[in-house]
Amino acid sequence: MSETREQHLDELREIVAEVLEVEPEEITETGSFVEEHEADSLRAIEILARIEKKYKIDIPQSELPQMENLKAVYDVVAAQAGWQD
């Protein structure tokens, strides 16, 4: 059985929350990491690195500016990982 979009979102939310040092419930799908959680470029790179390691994928650094909220992170990761959910 393949993982669903919700499971993937929950996993990504956990990673982002851990890096940003907030509770997972504070991370909404469309909330800006920079505006709502004061994320900087180093934290963005840390999120990227953890996602790449967890899912064993390579995400081009050029995608980083688009990864500004959970939905955008999901979209980028789904495209790179070939998720069909």
C-alpha atoms as a PDB file:
ATOM      1  CA  MET A   1       0.000   0.000   0.000  1.00  0.00           C
ATOM      2  CA  SER A   2       1.461   3.358  -0.995  1.00  0.00           C
ATOM      3  CA  GLU A   3       1.510   6.352   1.298  1.00  0.00           C
ATOM      4  CA  THR A   4      -1.132   8.974   0.802  1.00  0.00           C
ATOM      5  CA  ARG A   5      -0.730  12.709   0.305  1.00  0.00           C
ATOM      6  CA  GLU A   6      -1.764  13.270   3.932  1.00  0.00           C
ATOM      7  CA  GLN A   7       0.904  10.886   5.232  1.00  0.00           C
ATOM      8  CA  HIS A   8       3.546  12.607   3.126  1.00  0.00           C
ATOM      9  CA  LEU A   9       2.365  16.034   4.295  1.00  0.00           C
ATOM     10  CA  ASP A  10       2.542  14.895   7.924  1.00  0.00           C
ATOM     11  CA  GLU A  11       6.093  13.582   7.437  1.00  0.00           C
ATOM     12  CA  LEU A  12       7.182  16.817   5.751  1.00  0.00           C
ATOM     13  CA  ARG A  13       5.444  18.872   8.463  1.00  0.00           C
ATOM     14  CA  GLU A  14       7.440  16.987  11.132  1.00  0.00           C
ATOM     15  CA  ILE A  15      10.730  17.698   9.335  1.00  0.00           C
ATOM     16  CA  VAL A  16       9.946  21.384   8.834  1.00  0.00           C
ATOM     17  CA  ALA A  17       8.725  21.817  12.425  1.00  0.00           C
ATOM     18  CA  GLU A  18      11.857  20.175  13.807  1.00  0.00           C
ATOM     19  CA  VAL A  19      14.167  22.434  11.811  1.00  0.00           C
ATOM     20  CA  LEU A  20      12.165  25.584  12.579  1.00  0.00           C
ATOM     21  CA  GLU A  21      11.873  24.568  16.250  1.00  0.00           C
ATOM     22  CA  VAL A  22       8.092  24.871  16.401  1.00  0.00           C
ATOM     23  CA  GLU A  23       5.268  22.442  17.079  1.00  0.00           C
ATOM     24  CA  PRO A  24       4.054  20.554  13.975  1.00  0.00           C
ATOM     25  CA  GLU A  25       0.546  21.949  14.541  1.00  0.00           C
ATOM     26  CA  GLU A  26       1.947  25.445  13.930  1.00  0.00           C
ATOM     27  CA  ILE A  27       2.930  24.555  10.355  1.00  0.00           C
ATOM     28  CA  THR A  28      -0.015  25.103   8.001  1.00  0.00           C
ATOM     29  CA  GLU A  29      -0.049  24.125   4.331  1.00  0.00           C
ATOM     30  CA  THR A  30       0.063  27.711   3.086  1.00  0.00           C
ATOM     31  CA  GLY A  31       1.740  29.566   5.954  1.00  0.00           C
ATOM     32  CA  SER A  32       5.002  31.231   4.942  1.00  0.00           C
ATOM     33  CA  PHE A  33       8.031  29.760   6.712  1.00  0.00           C
ATOM     34  CA  VAL A  34       9.781  33.143   6.552  1.00  0.00           C
ATOM     35  CA  GLU A  35       6.885  35.378   7.605  1.00  0.00           C
ATOM     36  CA  GLU A  36       5.317  33.113  10.231  1.00  0.00           C
ATOM     37  CA  HIS A  37       8.348  31.269  11.597  1.00  0.00           C
ATOM     38  CA  GLU A  38      11.285  33.576  10.775  1.00  0.00           C
ATOM     39  CA  ALA A  39      13.040  30.922   8.708  1.00  0.00           C
ATOM     40  CA  ASP A  40      16.297  31.979   7.107  1.00  0.00           C
ATOM     41  CA  SER A  41      18.294  30.528   4.222  1.00  0.00           C
ATOM     42  CA  LEU A  42      20.317  28.244   6.510  1.00  0.00           C
ATOM     43  CA  ARG A  43      17.163  26.673   7.875  1.00  0.00           C
ATOM     44  CA  ALA A  44      15.797  26.305   4.348  1.00  0.00           C
ATOM     45  CA  ILE A  45      18.947  24.428   3.352  1.00  0.00           C
ATOM     46  CA  GLU A  46      18.655  22.248   6.471  1.00  0.00           C
ATOM     47  CA  ILE A  47      15.033  21.388   5.563  1.00  0.00           C
ATOM     48  CA  LEU A  48      16.155  20.532   2.029  1.00  0.00           C
ATOM     49  CA  ALA A  49      18.999  18.325   3.284  1.00  0.00           C
ATOM     50  CA  ARG A  50      16.766  16.405   5.692  1.00  0.00           C
ATOM     51  CA  ILE A  51      14.140  15.805   3.018  1.00  0.00           C
ATOM     52  CA  GLU A  52      16.770  14.610   0.544  1.00  0.00           C
ATOM     53  CA  LYS A  53      18.186  12.209   3.118  1.00  0.00           C
ATOM     54  CA  LYS A  54      14.805  10.848   4.235  1.00  0.00           C
ATOM     55  CA  TYR A  55      13.460  10.228   0.746  1.00  0.00           C
ATOM     56  CA  LYS A  56      16.815   9.532  -0.954  1.00  0.00           C
ATOM     57  CA  ILE A  57      16.224  12.139  -3.643  1.00  0.00           C
ATOM     58  CA  ASP A  58      18.161  15.112  -4.997  1.00  0.00           C
ATOM     59  CA  ILE A  59      16.377  18.439  -5.092  1.00  0.00           C
ATOM     60  CA  PRO A  60      18.089  21.155  -7.137  1.00  0.00           C
ATOM     61  CA  GLN A  61      19.062  24.230  -5.081  1.00  0.00           C
ATOM     62  CA  SER A  62      17.186  26.267  -7.693  1.00  0.00           C
ATOM     63  CA  GLU A  63      13.941  24.866  -6.211  1.00  0.00           C
ATOM     64  CA  LEU A  64      14.687  26.349  -2.786  1.00  0.00           C
ATOM     65  CA  PRO A  65      13.039  29.769  -3.382  1.00  0.00           C
ATOM     66  CA  GLN A  66       9.754  28.047  -4.308  1.00  0.00           C
ATOM     67  CA  MET A  67       9.754  25.990  -1.096  1.00  0.00           C
ATOM     68  CA  GLU A  68       8.222  28.768   1.003  1.00  0.00           C
ATOM     69  CA  ASN A  69       5.397  26.823   2.651  1.00  0.00           C
ATOM     70  CA  LEU A  70       4.383  23.226   3.319  1.00  0.00           C
ATOM     71  CA  LYS A  71       2.281  22.870   0.166  1.00  0.00           C
ATOM     72  CA  ALA A  72       5.139  24.157  -1.999  1.00  0.00           C
ATOM     73  CA  VAL A  73       7.599  21.792  -0.274  1.00  0.00           C
ATOM     74  CA  TYR A  74       5.211  18.911  -0.897  1.00  0.00           C
ATOM     75  CA  ASP A  75       4.832  19.843  -4.582  1.00  0.00           C
ATOM     76  CA  VAL A  76       8.610  19.990  -5.127  1.00  0.00           C
ATOM     77  CA  VAL A  77       9.279  16.751  -3.216  1.00  0.00           C
ATOM     78  CA  ALA A  78       6.405  14.929  -4.934  1.00  0.00           C
ATOM     79  CA  ALA A  79       7.766  15.886  -8.345  1.00  0.00           C
ATOM     80  CA  GLN A  80      11.299  14.766  -7.461  1.00  0.00           C
ATOM     81  CA  ALA A  81      10.195  11.562  -5.703  1.00  0.00           C
ATOM     82  CA  GLY A  82       7.602  10.614  -8.299  1.00  0.00           C
ATOM     83  CA  TRP A  83       4.730  10.455  -5.822  1.00  0.00           C
ATOM     84  CA  GLN A  84       1.440   9.744  -7.547  1.00  0.00           C
ATOM     85  CA  ASP A  85      -0.905  10.371  -4.644  1.00  0.00           C
END
